[in-house]
Amino acid sequence: MARLVNLTPHAVSIAGLVVPPSGTVARVAEEVTACGTITIEGVEIPLIAKRFGRIENLPEPQPGVILITSALVAQAAWAEGRNDVVCPGEPIRDDQGRVVGAAALCVAP
């Protein structure tokens, strides 16, 4: 039987099952570079470029353990050949349009 470990900072509700955060948050390192500004309707808006790097805080694969992460972390992990990493997919929304859960988990394509 598989066990889900939530590596996001929030509880994740998947098809009615709530997976609490594990206390470890997996992230993708990012490098931010200022690229100038644009002015729209008199408001100066900074422009930045982001470059995403290595995955931080992603545990090594363990038998029977499926890791829930953000979509950005999952895609980076899939690119490294990890198939034990998933992310929430197909959002479930309340009557006000807020995401309250997911109907499925996304796996590596």
PDB file of N, CA and C in Angstrom:
ATOM      1  N   MET A   1       0.843  -1.181   0.000  1.00  0.00           N
ATOM      2  CA  MET A   1       0.000   0.000   0.000  1.00  0.00           C
ATOM      3  C   MET A   1       0.888   1.243   0.000  1.00  0.00           C
ATOM      4  N   ALA A   2       0.535   2.218  -0.807  1.00  0.00           N
ATOM      5  CA  ALA A   2       1.315   3.457  -0.919  1.00  0.00           C
ATOM      6  C   ALA A   2       0.953   4.428   0.198  1.00  0.00           C
ATOM      7  N   ARG A   3       1.904   5.300   0.501  1.00  0.00           N
ATOM      8  CA  ARG A   3       1.703   6.345   1.510  1.00  0.00           C
ATOM      9  C   ARG A   3       2.007   7.681   0.844  1.00  0.00           C
ATOM     10  N   LEU A   4       1.122   8.666   1.054  1.00  0.00           N
ATOM     11  CA  LEU A   4       1.315  10.005   0.515  1.00  0.00           C
ATOM     12  C   LEU A   4       2.029  10.874   1.537  1.00  0.00           C
ATOM     13  N   VAL A   5       3.052  11.627   1.084  1.00  0.00           N
ATOM     14  CA  VAL A   5       3.747  12.599   1.922  1.00  0.00           C
ATOM     15  C   VAL A   5       3.593  13.947   1.236  1.00  0.00           C
ATOM     16  N   ASN A   6       3.012  14.901   1.946  1.00  0.00           N
ATOM     17  CA  ASN A   6       2.722  16.222   1.412  1.00  0.00           C
ATOM     18  C   ASN A   6       3.906  17.151   1.661  1.00  0.00           C
ATOM     19  N   LEU A   7       4.592  17.542   0.598  1.00  0.00           N
ATOM     20  CA  LEU A   7       5.743  18.439   0.691  1.00  0.00           C
ATOM     21  C   LEU A   7       5.379  19.866   0.284  1.00  0.00           C
ATOM     22  N   THR A   8       4.104  20.242   0.472  1.00  0.00           N
ATOM     23  CA  THR A   8       3.663  21.620   0.264  1.00  0.00           C
ATOM     24  C   THR A   8       3.388  22.228   1.636  1.00  0.00           C
ATOM     25  N   PRO A   9       3.249  23.552   1.729  1.00  0.00           N
ATOM     26  CA  PRO A   9       3.002  24.161   3.037  1.00  0.00           C
ATOM     27  C   PRO A   9       1.543  24.102   3.499  1.00  0.00           C
ATOM     28  N   HIS A  10       0.661  23.538   2.671  1.00  0.00           N
ATOM     29  CA  HIS A  10      -0.770  23.529   2.984  1.00  0.00           C
ATOM     30  C   HIS A  10      -1.324  22.103   2.928  1.00  0.00           C
ATOM     31  N   ALA A  11      -2.397  21.863   3.669  1.00  0.00           N
ATOM     32  CA  ALA A  11      -3.096  20.588   3.545  1.00  0.00           C
ATOM     33  C   ALA A  11      -3.597  20.467   2.105  1.00  0.00           C
ATOM     34  N   VAL A  12      -3.544  19.255   1.566  1.00  0.00           N
ATOM     35  CA  VAL A  12      -4.001  19.003   0.194  1.00  0.00           C
ATOM     36  C   VAL A  12      -5.164  18.033   0.259  1.00  0.00           C
ATOM     37  N   SER A  13      -6.292  18.419  -0.351  1.00  0.00           N
ATOM     38  CA  SER A  13      -7.481  17.568  -0.399  1.00  0.00           C
ATOM     39  C   SER A  13      -7.574  16.954  -1.790  1.00  0.00           C
ATOM     40  N   ILE A  14      -7.462  15.628  -1.833  1.00  0.00           N
ATOM     41  CA  ILE A  14      -7.525  14.893  -3.096  1.00  0.00           C
ATOM     42  C   ILE A  14      -8.710  13.940  -3.035  1.00  0.00           C
ATOM     43  N   ALA A  15      -9.701  14.190  -3.862  1.00  0.00           N
ATOM     44  CA  ALA A  15     -10.871  13.319  -3.943  1.00  0.00           C
ATOM     45  C   ALA A  15     -11.448  13.017  -2.560  1.00  0.00           C
ATOM     46  N   GLY A  16     -11.439  14.019  -1.676  1.00  0.00           N
ATOM     47  CA  GLY A  16     -12.013  13.851  -0.346  1.00  0.00           C
ATOM     48  C   GLY A  16     -11.032  13.412   0.724  1.00  0.00           C
ATOM     49  N   LEU A  17      -9.850  12.970   0.345  1.00  0.00           N
ATOM     50  CA  LEU A  17      -8.812  12.587   1.310  1.00  0.00           C
ATOM     51  C   LEU A  17      -7.954  13.818   1.589  1.00  0.00           C
ATOM     52  N   VAL A  18      -7.805  14.185   2.863  1.00  0.00           N
ATOM     53  CA  VAL A  18      -6.997  15.353   3.218  1.00  0.00           C
ATOM     54  C   VAL A  18      -5.634  14.875   3.697  1.00  0.00           C
ATOM     55  N   VAL A  19      -4.581  15.377   3.036  1.00  0.00           N
ATOM     56  CA  VAL A  19      -3.208  15.010   3.379  1.00  0.00           C
ATOM     57  C   VAL A  19      -2.558  16.236   4.023  1.00  0.00           C
ATOM     58  N   PRO A  20      -2.267  16.168   5.327  1.00  0.00           N
ATOM     59  CA  PRO A  20      -1.676  17.331   5.994  1.00  0.00           C
ATOM     60  C   PRO A  20      -0.247  17.564   5.538  1.00  0.00           C
ATOM     61  N   PRO A  21       0.241  18.810   5.686  1.00  0.00           N
ATOM     62  CA  PRO A  21       1.634  19.075   5.325  1.00  0.00           C
ATOM     63  C   PRO A  21       2.566  18.277   6.231  1.00  0.00           C
ATOM     64  N   SER A  22       3.680  17.832   5.689  1.00  0.00           N
ATOM     65  CA  SER A  22       4.635  17.015   6.441  1.00  0.00           C
ATOM     66  C   SER A  22       5.564  17.856   7.309  1.00  0.00           C
ATOM     67  N   GLY A  23       5.635  19.157   7.032  1.00  0.00           N
ATOM     68  CA  GLY A  23       6.580  20.011   7.729  1.00  0.00           C
ATOM     69  C   GLY A  23       7.809  20.305   6.883  1.00  0.00           C
ATOM     70  N   THR A  24       8.012  19.540   5.833  1.00  0.00           N
ATOM     71  CA  THR A  24       9.090  19.785   4.871  1.00  0.00           C
ATOM     72  C   THR A  24       8.452  20.320   3.602  1.00  0.00           C
ATOM     73  N   VAL A  25       9.000  21.404   3.063  1.00  0.00           N
ATOM     74  CA  VAL A  25       8.458  21.996   1.837  1.00  0.00           C
ATOM     75  C   VAL A  25       9.510  21.888   0.737  1.00  0.00           C
ATOM     76  N   ALA A  26       9.172  21.150  -0.318  1.00  0.00           N
ATOM     77  CA  ALA A  26      10.060  21.044  -1.477  1.00  0.00           C
ATOM     78  C   ALA A  26       9.843  22.268  -2.361  1.00  0.00           C
ATOM     79  N   ARG A  27      10.939  22.840  -2.811  1.00  0.00           N
ATOM     80  CA  ARG A  27      10.878  24.020  -3.670  1.00  0.00           C
ATOM     81  C   ARG A  27      11.920  23.901  -4.772  1.00  0.00           C
ATOM     82  N   VAL A  28      11.744  24.710  -5.800  1.00  0.00           N
ATOM     83  CA  VAL A  28      12.749  24.820  -6.845  1.00  0.00           C
ATOM     84  C   VAL A  28      13.474  26.145  -6.605  1.00  0.00           C
ATOM     85  N   ALA A  29      14.795  26.088  -6.498  1.00  0.00           N
ATOM     86  CA  ALA A  29      15.577  27.302  -6.290  1.00  0.00           C
ATOM     87  C   ALA A  29      15.348  28.242  -7.461  1.00  0.00           C
ATOM     88  N   GLU A  30      15.310  29.541  -7.171  1.00  0.00           N
ATOM     89  CA  GLU A  30      15.138  30.491  -8.262  1.00  0.00           C
ATOM     90  C   GLU A  30      16.129  31.635  -8.135  1.00  0.00           C
ATOM     91  N   GLU A  31      16.548  32.105  -9.282  1.00  0.00           N
ATOM     92  CA  GLU A  31      17.449  33.246  -9.376  1.00  0.00           C
ATOM     93  C   GLU A  31      16.665  34.362 -10.054  1.00  0.00           C
ATOM     94  N   VAL A  32      16.605  35.520  -9.406  1.00  0.00           N
ATOM     95  CA  VAL A  32      15.837  36.650  -9.926  1.00  0.00           C
ATOM     96  C   VAL A  32      16.794  37.749 -10.372  1.00  0.00           C
ATOM     97  N   THR A  33      16.555  38.273 -11.576  1.00  0.00           N
ATOM     98  CA  THR A  33      17.372  39.346 -12.126  1.00  0.00           C
ATOM     99  C   THR A  33      16.463  40.509 -12.515  1.00  0.00           C
ATOM    100  N   ALA A  34      16.798  41.712 -12.047  1.00  0.00           N
ATOM    101  CA  ALA A  34      16.047  42.903 -12.443  1.00  0.00           C
ATOM    102  C   ALA A  34      16.310  43.197 -13.909  1.00  0.00           C
ATOM    103  N   CYS A  35      15.243  43.535 -14.651  1.00  0.00           N
ATOM    104  CA  CYS A  35      15.365  43.767 -16.093  1.00  0.00           C
ATOM    105  C   CYS A  35      14.841  45.130 -16.517  1.00  0.00           C
ATOM    106  N   GLY A  36      14.611  46.033 -15.587  1.00  0.00           N
ATOM    107  CA  GLY A  36      14.108  47.350 -15.930  1.00  0.00           C
ATOM    108  C   GLY A  36      12.695  47.551 -15.454  1.00  0.00           C
ATOM    109  N   THR A  37      11.996  48.465 -16.110  1.00  0.00           N
ATOM    110  CA  THR A  37      10.616  48.777 -15.746  1.00  0.00           C
ATOM    111  C   THR A  37       9.814  49.093 -16.994  1.00  0.00           C
ATOM    112  N   ILE A  38       8.503  49.042 -16.830  1.00  0.00           N
ATOM    113  CA  ILE A  38       7.588  49.557 -17.843  1.00  0.00           C
ATOM    114  C   ILE A  38       6.628  50.498 -17.114  1.00  0.00           C
ATOM    115  N   THR A  39       6.095  51.457 -17.833  1.00  0.00           N
ATOM    116  CA  THR A  39       5.129  52.374 -17.241  1.00  0.00           C
ATOM    117  C   THR A  39       3.798  52.166 -17.935  1.00  0.00           C
ATOM    118  N   ILE A  40       2.787  51.882 -17.141  1.00  0.00           N
ATOM    119  CA  ILE A  40       1.442  51.675 -17.663  1.00  0.00           C
ATOM    120  C   ILE A  40       0.497  52.556 -16.855  1.00  0.00           C
ATOM    121  N   GLU A  41      -0.242  53.406 -17.555  1.00  0.00           N
ATOM    122  CA  GLU A  41      -1.197  54.333 -16.934  1.00  0.00           C
ATOM    123  C   GLU A  41      -0.543  55.113 -15.802  1.00  0.00           C
ATOM    124  N   GLY A  42       0.702  55.538 -16.025  1.00  0.00           N
ATOM    125  CA  GLY A  42       1.411  56.346 -15.051  1.00  0.00           C
ATOM    126  C   GLY A  42       2.031  55.572 -13.895  1.00  0.00           C
ATOM    127  N   VAL A  43       1.900  54.256 -13.920  1.00  0.00           N
ATOM    128  CA  VAL A  43       2.456  53.425 -12.843  1.00  0.00           C
ATOM    129  C   VAL A  43       3.685  52.705 -13.368  1.00  0.00           C
ATOM    130  N   GLU A  44       4.808  52.872 -12.657  1.00  0.00           N
ATOM    131  CA  GLU A  44       6.040  52.197 -13.044  1.00  0.00           C
ATOM    132  C   GLU A  44       6.058  50.802 -12.430  1.00  0.00           C
ATOM    133  N   ILE A  45       6.194  49.793 -13.282  1.00  0.00           N
ATOM    134  CA  ILE A  45       6.135  48.399 -12.847  1.00  0.00           C
ATOM    135  C   ILE A  45       7.490  47.748 -13.104  1.00  0.00           C
ATOM    136  N   PRO A  46       8.103  47.195 -12.053  1.00  0.00           N
ATOM    137  CA  PRO A  46       9.389  46.513 -12.252  1.00  0.00           C
ATOM    138  C   PRO A  46       9.233  45.262 -13.114  1.00  0.00           C
ATOM    139  N   LEU A  47      10.247  44.965 -13.903  1.00  0.00           N
ATOM    140  CA  LEU A  47      10.312  43.732 -14.686  1.00  0.00           C
ATOM    141  C   LEU A  47      11.462  42.894 -14.135  1.00  0.00           C
ATOM    142  N   ILE A  48      11.207  41.617 -13.963  1.00  0.00           N
ATOM    143  CA  ILE A  48      12.244  40.703 -13.494  1.00  0.00           C
ATOM    144  C   ILE A  48      12.259  39.470 -14.381  1.00  0.00           C
ATOM    145  N   ALA A  49      13.387  38.787 -14.396  1.00  0.00           N
ATOM    146  CA  ALA A  49      13.497  37.489 -15.064  1.00  0.00           C
ATOM    147  C   ALA A  49      13.794  36.464 -13.978  1.00  0.00           C
ATOM    148  N   LYS A  50      13.159  35.303 -14.070  1.00  0.00           N
ATOM    149  CA  LYS A  50      13.402  34.227 -13.110  1.00  0.00           C
ATOM    150  C   LYS A  50      14.003  33.043 -13.832  1.00  0.00           C
ATOM    151  N   ARG A  51      15.030  32.489 -13.243  1.00  0.00           N
ATOM    152  CA  ARG A  51      15.625  31.252 -13.741  1.00  0.00           C
ATOM    153  C   ARG A  51      15.480  30.233 -12.618  1.00  0.00           C
ATOM    154  N   PHE A  52      14.890  29.093 -12.950  1.00  0.00           N
ATOM    155  CA  PHE A  52      14.673  28.063 -11.946  1.00  0.00           C
ATOM    156  C   PHE A  52      15.822  27.067 -11.969  1.00  0.00           C
ATOM    157  N   GLY A  53      16.246  26.657 -10.799  1.00  0.00           N
ATOM    158  CA  GLY A  53      17.402  25.773 -10.673  1.00  0.00           C
ATOM    159  C   GLY A  53      17.051  24.431 -10.075  1.00  0.00           C
ATOM    160  N   ARG A  54      17.869  24.011  -9.143  1.00  0.00           N
ATOM    161  CA  ARG A  54      17.727  22.667  -8.583  1.00  0.00           C
ATOM    162  C   ARG A  54      16.589  22.592  -7.571  1.00  0.00           C
ATOM    163  N   ILE A  55      16.139  21.382  -7.334  1.00  0.00           N
ATOM    164  CA  ILE A  55      15.068  21.135  -6.370  1.00  0.00           C
ATOM    165  C   ILE A  55      15.676  21.098  -4.976  1.00  0.00           C
ATOM    166  N   GLU A  56      15.011  21.768  -4.044  1.00  0.00           N
ATOM    167  CA  GLU A  56      15.448  21.782  -2.650  1.00  0.00           C
ATOM    168  C   GLU A  56      14.451  21.011  -1.793  1.00  0.00           C
ATOM    169  N   ASN A  57      14.961  20.272  -0.820  1.00  0.00           N
ATOM    170  CA  ASN A  57      14.156  19.556   0.181  1.00  0.00           C
ATOM    171  C   ASN A  57      13.308  18.421  -0.383  1.00  0.00           C
ATOM    172  N   LEU A  58      13.750  17.820  -1.475  1.00  0.00           N
ATOM    173  CA  LEU A  58      13.033  16.663  -2.020  1.00  0.00           C
ATOM    174  C   LEU A  58      13.740  15.406  -1.536  1.00  0.00           C
ATOM    175  N   PRO A  59      13.063  14.614  -0.702  1.00  0.00           N
ATOM    176  CA  PRO A  59      13.698  13.394  -0.188  1.00  0.00           C
ATOM    177  C   PRO A  59      14.021  12.401  -1.305  1.00  0.00           C
ATOM    178  N   GLU A  60      14.960  11.534  -1.031  1.00  0.00           N
ATOM    179  CA  GLU A  60      15.275  10.446  -1.958  1.00  0.00           C
ATOM    180  C   GLU A  60      14.067   9.519  -2.067  1.00  0.00           C
ATOM    181  N   PRO A  61      13.913   8.820  -3.196  1.00  0.00           N
ATOM    182  CA  PRO A  61      12.798   7.890  -3.341  1.00  0.00           C
ATOM    183  C   PRO A  61      12.823   6.806  -2.260  1.00  0.00           C
ATOM    184  N   GLN A  62      11.618   6.445  -1.797  1.00  0.00           N
ATOM    185  CA  GLN A  62      11.453   5.359  -0.831  1.00  0.00           C
ATOM    186  C   GLN A  62      10.342   4.449  -1.329  1.00  0.00           C
ATOM    187  N   PRO A  63      10.509   3.145  -1.177  1.00  0.00           N
ATOM    188  CA  PRO A  63       9.463   2.223  -1.635  1.00  0.00           C
ATOM    189  C   PRO A  63       8.114   2.540  -0.986  1.00  0.00           C
ATOM    190  N   GLY A  64       7.080   2.612  -1.801  1.00  0.00           N
ATOM    191  CA  GLY A  64       5.727   2.815  -1.304  1.00  0.00           C
ATOM    192  C   GLY A  64       5.384   4.239  -0.911  1.00  0.00           C
ATOM    193  N   VAL A  65       6.303   5.197  -1.115  1.00  0.00           N
ATOM    194  CA  VAL A  65       6.052   6.588  -0.731  1.00  0.00           C
ATOM    195  C   VAL A  65       5.870   7.434  -1.988  1.00  0.00           C
ATOM    196  N   ILE A  66       4.756   8.173  -2.032  1.00  0.00           N
ATOM    197  CA  ILE A  66       4.459   9.092  -3.122  1.00  0.00           C
ATOM    198  C   ILE A  66       4.511  10.498  -2.537  1.00  0.00           C
ATOM    199  N   LEU A  67       5.292  11.367  -3.169  1.00  0.00           N
ATOM    200  CA  LEU A  67       5.512  12.719  -2.675  1.00  0.00           C
ATOM    201  C   LEU A  67       4.619  13.715  -3.414  1.00  0.00           C
ATOM    202  N   ILE A  68       3.804  14.469  -2.677  1.00  0.00           N
ATOM    203  CA  ILE A  68       2.960  15.506  -3.264  1.00  0.00           C
ATOM    204  C   ILE A  68       3.732  16.824  -3.194  1.00  0.00           C
ATOM    205  N   THR A  69       3.877  17.488  -4.337  1.00  0.00           N
ATOM    206  CA  THR A  69       4.599  18.758  -4.407  1.00  0.00           C
ATOM    207  C   THR A  69       3.795  19.749  -5.250  1.00  0.00           C
ATOM    208  N   SER A  70       4.334  20.936  -5.397  1.00  0.00           N
ATOM    209  CA  SER A  70       3.760  21.895  -6.338  1.00  0.00           C
ATOM    210  C   SER A  70       3.996  21.389  -7.757  1.00  0.00           C
ATOM    211  N   ALA A  71       3.270  21.956  -8.701  1.00  0.00           N
ATOM    212  CA  ALA A  71       3.449  21.565 -10.103  1.00  0.00           C
ATOM    213  C   ALA A  71       4.855  21.903 -10.590  1.00  0.00           C
ATOM    214  N   LEU A  72       5.409  23.023 -10.149  1.00  0.00           N
ATOM    215  CA  LEU A  72       6.751  23.419 -10.581  1.00  0.00           C
ATOM    216  C   LEU A  72       7.800  22.412 -10.103  1.00  0.00           C
ATOM    217  N   VAL A  73       7.693  21.996  -8.844  1.00  0.00           N
ATOM    218  CA  VAL A  73       8.631  21.001  -8.307  1.00  0.00           C
ATOM    219  C   VAL A  73       8.425  19.669  -9.015  1.00  0.00           C
ATOM    220  N   ALA A  74       7.176  19.277  -9.206  1.00  0.00           N
ATOM    221  CA  ALA A  74       6.896  17.995  -9.865  1.00  0.00           C
ATOM    222  C   ALA A  74       7.493  17.963 -11.268  1.00  0.00           C
ATOM    223  N   GLN A  75       7.325  19.034 -12.031  1.00  0.00           N
ATOM    224  CA  GLN A  75       7.865  19.043 -13.389  1.00  0.00           C
ATOM    225  C   GLN A  75       9.386  18.967 -13.389  1.00  0.00           C
ATOM    226  N   ALA A  76      10.023  19.638 -12.442  1.00  0.00           N
ATOM    227  CA  ALA A  76      11.492  19.559 -12.349  1.00  0.00           C
ATOM    228  C   ALA A  76      11.920  18.149 -11.966  1.00  0.00           C
ATOM    229  N   ALA A  77      11.183  17.516 -11.055  1.00  0.00           N
ATOM    230  CA  ALA A  77      11.507  16.145 -10.632  1.00  0.00           C
ATOM    231  C   ALA A  77      11.289  15.156 -11.775  1.00  0.00           C
ATOM    232  N   TRP A  78      10.210  15.343 -12.539  1.00  0.00           N
ATOM    233  CA  TRP A  78       9.947  14.463 -13.683  1.00  0.00           C
ATOM    234  C   TRP A  78      11.065  14.583 -14.703  1.00  0.00           C
ATOM    235  N   ALA A  79      11.578  15.790 -14.895  1.00  0.00           N
ATOM    236  CA  ALA A  79      12.672  15.997 -15.844  1.00  0.00           C
ATOM    237  C   ALA A  79      13.936  15.260 -15.397  1.00  0.00           C
ATOM    238  N   GLU A  80      14.049  15.008 -14.091  1.00  0.00           N
ATOM    239  CA  GLU A  80      15.187  14.247 -13.558  1.00  0.00           C
ATOM    240  C   GLU A  80      14.903  12.750 -13.510  1.00  0.00           C
ATOM    241  N   GLY A  81      13.723  12.337 -14.026  1.00  0.00           N
ATOM    242  CA  GLY A  81      13.392  10.915 -14.070  1.00  0.00           C
ATOM    243  C   GLY A  81      12.673  10.388 -12.851  1.00  0.00           C
ATOM    244  N   ARG A  82      12.246  11.270 -11.942  1.00  0.00           N
ATOM    245  CA  ARG A  82      11.541  10.815 -10.737  1.00  0.00           C
ATOM    246  C   ARG A  82      10.090  10.483 -11.080  1.00  0.00           C
ATOM    247  N   ASN A  83       9.638   9.306 -10.703  1.00  0.00           N
ATOM    248  CA  ASN A  83       8.235   8.942 -10.913  1.00  0.00           C
ATOM    249  C   ASN A  83       7.494   8.750  -9.598  1.00  0.00           C
ATOM    250  N   ASP A  84       8.126   9.147  -8.479  1.00  0.00           N
ATOM    251  CA  ASP A  84       7.492   9.066  -7.171  1.00  0.00           C
ATOM    252  C   ASP A  84       6.934  10.419  -6.734  1.00  0.00           C
ATOM    253  N   VAL A  85       6.960  11.399  -7.638  1.00  0.00           N
ATOM    254  CA  VAL A  85       6.514  12.754  -7.326  1.00  0.00           C
ATOM    255  C   VAL A  85       5.244  13.054  -8.123  1.00  0.00           C
ATOM    256  N   VAL A  86       4.240  13.599  -7.432  1.00  0.00           N
ATOM    257  CA  VAL A  86       2.965  13.962  -8.052  1.00  0.00           C
ATOM    258  C   VAL A  86       2.604  15.384  -7.622  1.00  0.00           C
ATOM    259  N   CYS A  87       1.607  15.955  -8.277  1.00  0.00           N
ATOM    260  CA  CYS A  87       1.070  17.251  -7.862  1.00  0.00           C
ATOM    261  C   CYS A  87      -0.449  17.205  -8.026  1.00  0.00           C
ATOM    262  N   PRO A  88      -1.156  18.078  -7.305  1.00  0.00           N
ATOM    263  CA  PRO A  88      -2.618  18.103  -7.455  1.00  0.00           C
ATOM    264  C   PRO A  88      -3.001  18.448  -8.888  1.00  0.00           C
ATOM    265  N   GLY A  89      -4.035  17.799  -9.376  1.00  0.00           N
ATOM    266  CA  GLY A  89      -4.536  18.054 -10.723  1.00  0.00           C
ATOM    267  C   GLY A  89      -6.043  18.191 -10.709  1.00  0.00           C
ATOM    268  N   GLU A  90      -6.613  18.682 -11.783  1.00  0.00           N
ATOM    269  CA  GLU A  90      -8.065  18.860 -11.906  1.00  0.00           C
ATOM    270  C   GLU A  90      -8.657  19.489 -10.654  1.00  0.00           C
ATOM    271  N   PRO A  91      -8.560  20.802 -10.518  1.00  0.00           N
ATOM    272  CA  PRO A  91      -9.041  21.461  -9.303  1.00  0.00           C
ATOM    273  C   PRO A  91     -10.540  21.323  -9.096  1.00  0.00           C
ATOM    274  N   ILE A  92     -10.918  21.235  -7.834  1.00  0.00           N
ATOM    275  CA  ILE A  92     -12.324  21.276  -7.423  1.00  0.00           C
ATOM    276  C   ILE A  92     -12.540  22.661  -6.827  1.00  0.00           C
ATOM    277  N   ARG A  93     -13.557  23.358  -7.307  1.00  0.00           N
ATOM    278  CA  ARG A  93     -13.827  24.728  -6.844  1.00  0.00           C
ATOM    279  C   ARG A  93     -15.150  24.803  -6.084  1.00  0.00           C
ATOM    280  N   ASP A  94     -15.203  25.738  -5.120  1.00  0.00           N
ATOM    281  CA  ASP A  94     -16.455  25.960  -4.409  1.00  0.00           C
ATOM    282  C   ASP A  94     -17.349  26.875  -5.243  1.00  0.00           C
ATOM    283  N   ASP A  95     -18.520  27.245  -4.705  1.00  0.00           N
ATOM    284  CA  ASP A  95     -19.468  28.044  -5.470  1.00  0.00           C
ATOM    285  C   ASP A  95     -18.989  29.466  -5.742  1.00  0.00           C
ATOM    286  N   GLN A  96     -17.890  29.873  -5.083  1.00  0.00           N
ATOM    287  CA  GLN A  96     -17.321  31.197  -5.337  1.00  0.00           C
ATOM    288  C   GLN A  96     -16.075  31.118  -6.227  1.00  0.00           C
ATOM    289  N   GLY A  97     -15.777  29.925  -6.730  1.00  0.00           N
ATOM    290  CA  GLY A  97     -14.669  29.749  -7.648  1.00  0.00           C
ATOM    291  C   GLY A  97     -13.320  29.493  -6.996  1.00  0.00           C
ATOM    292  N   ARG A  98     -13.282  29.404  -5.667  1.00  0.00           N
ATOM    293  CA  ARG A  98     -12.019  29.145  -4.977  1.00  0.00           C
ATOM    294  C   ARG A  98     -11.674  27.652  -5.044  1.00  0.00           C
ATOM    295  N   VAL A  99     -10.397  27.363  -5.224  1.00  0.00           N
ATOM    296  CA  VAL A  99      -9.950  25.970  -5.248  1.00  0.00           C
ATOM    297  C   VAL A  99     -10.002  25.417  -3.827  1.00  0.00           C
ATOM    298  N   VAL A 100     -10.712  24.305  -3.661  1.00  0.00           N
ATOM    299  CA  VAL A 100     -10.844  23.681  -2.339  1.00  0.00           C
ATOM    300  C   VAL A 100     -10.261  22.268  -2.309  1.00  0.00           C
ATOM    301  N   GLY A 101      -9.813  21.794  -3.450  1.00  0.00           N
ATOM    302  CA  GLY A 101      -9.244  20.455  -3.507  1.00  0.00           C
ATOM    303  C   GLY A 101      -8.950  20.081  -4.947  1.00  0.00           C
ATOM    304  N   ALA A 102      -8.614  18.819  -5.122  1.00  0.00           N
ATOM    305  CA  ALA A 102      -8.348  18.301  -6.463  1.00  0.00           C
ATOM    306  C   ALA A 102      -9.042  16.962  -6.629  1.00  0.00           C
ATOM    307  N   ALA A 103      -9.441  16.690  -7.841  1.00  0.00           N
ATOM    308  CA  ALA A 103     -10.135  15.434  -8.130  1.00  0.00           C
ATOM    309  C   ALA A 103      -9.175  14.312  -8.462  1.00  0.00           C
ATOM    310  N   ALA A 104      -7.887  14.668  -8.701  1.00  0.00           N
ATOM    311  CA  ALA A 104      -6.919  13.674  -9.127  1.00  0.00           C
ATOM    312  C   ALA A 104      -5.515  14.152  -8.781  1.00  0.00           C
ATOM    313  N   LEU A 105      -4.573  13.258  -8.949  1.00  0.00           N
ATOM    314  CA  LEU A 105      -3.152  13.596  -8.825  1.00  0.00           C
ATOM    315  C   LEU A 105      -2.512  13.530 -10.203  1.00  0.00           C
ATOM    316  N   CYS A 106      -1.644  14.489 -10.504  1.00  0.00           N
ATOM    317  CA  CYS A 106      -0.905  14.497 -11.775  1.00  0.00           C
ATOM    318  C   CYS A 106       0.372  13.682 -11.581  1.00  0.00           C
ATOM    319  N   VAL A 107       0.649  12.820 -12.530  1.00  0.00           N
ATOM    320  CA  VAL A 107       1.876  12.008 -12.510  1.00  0.00           C
ATOM    321  C   VAL A 107       2.741  12.382 -13.703  1.00  0.00           C
ATOM    322  N   ALA A 108       3.966  11.884 -13.710  1.00  0.00           N
ATOM    323  CA  ALA A 108       4.889  12.158 -14.808  1.00  0.00           C
ATOM    324  C   ALA A 108       4.293  11.670 -16.121  1.00  0.00           C
ATOM    325  N   PRO A 109       4.391  12.488 -17.181  1.00  0.00           N
ATOM    326  CA  PRO A 109       3.829  12.068 -18.477  1.00  0.00           C
ATOM    327  C   PRO A 109       4.631  10.931 -19.087  1.00  0.00           C
TER     328      PRO A 109
END
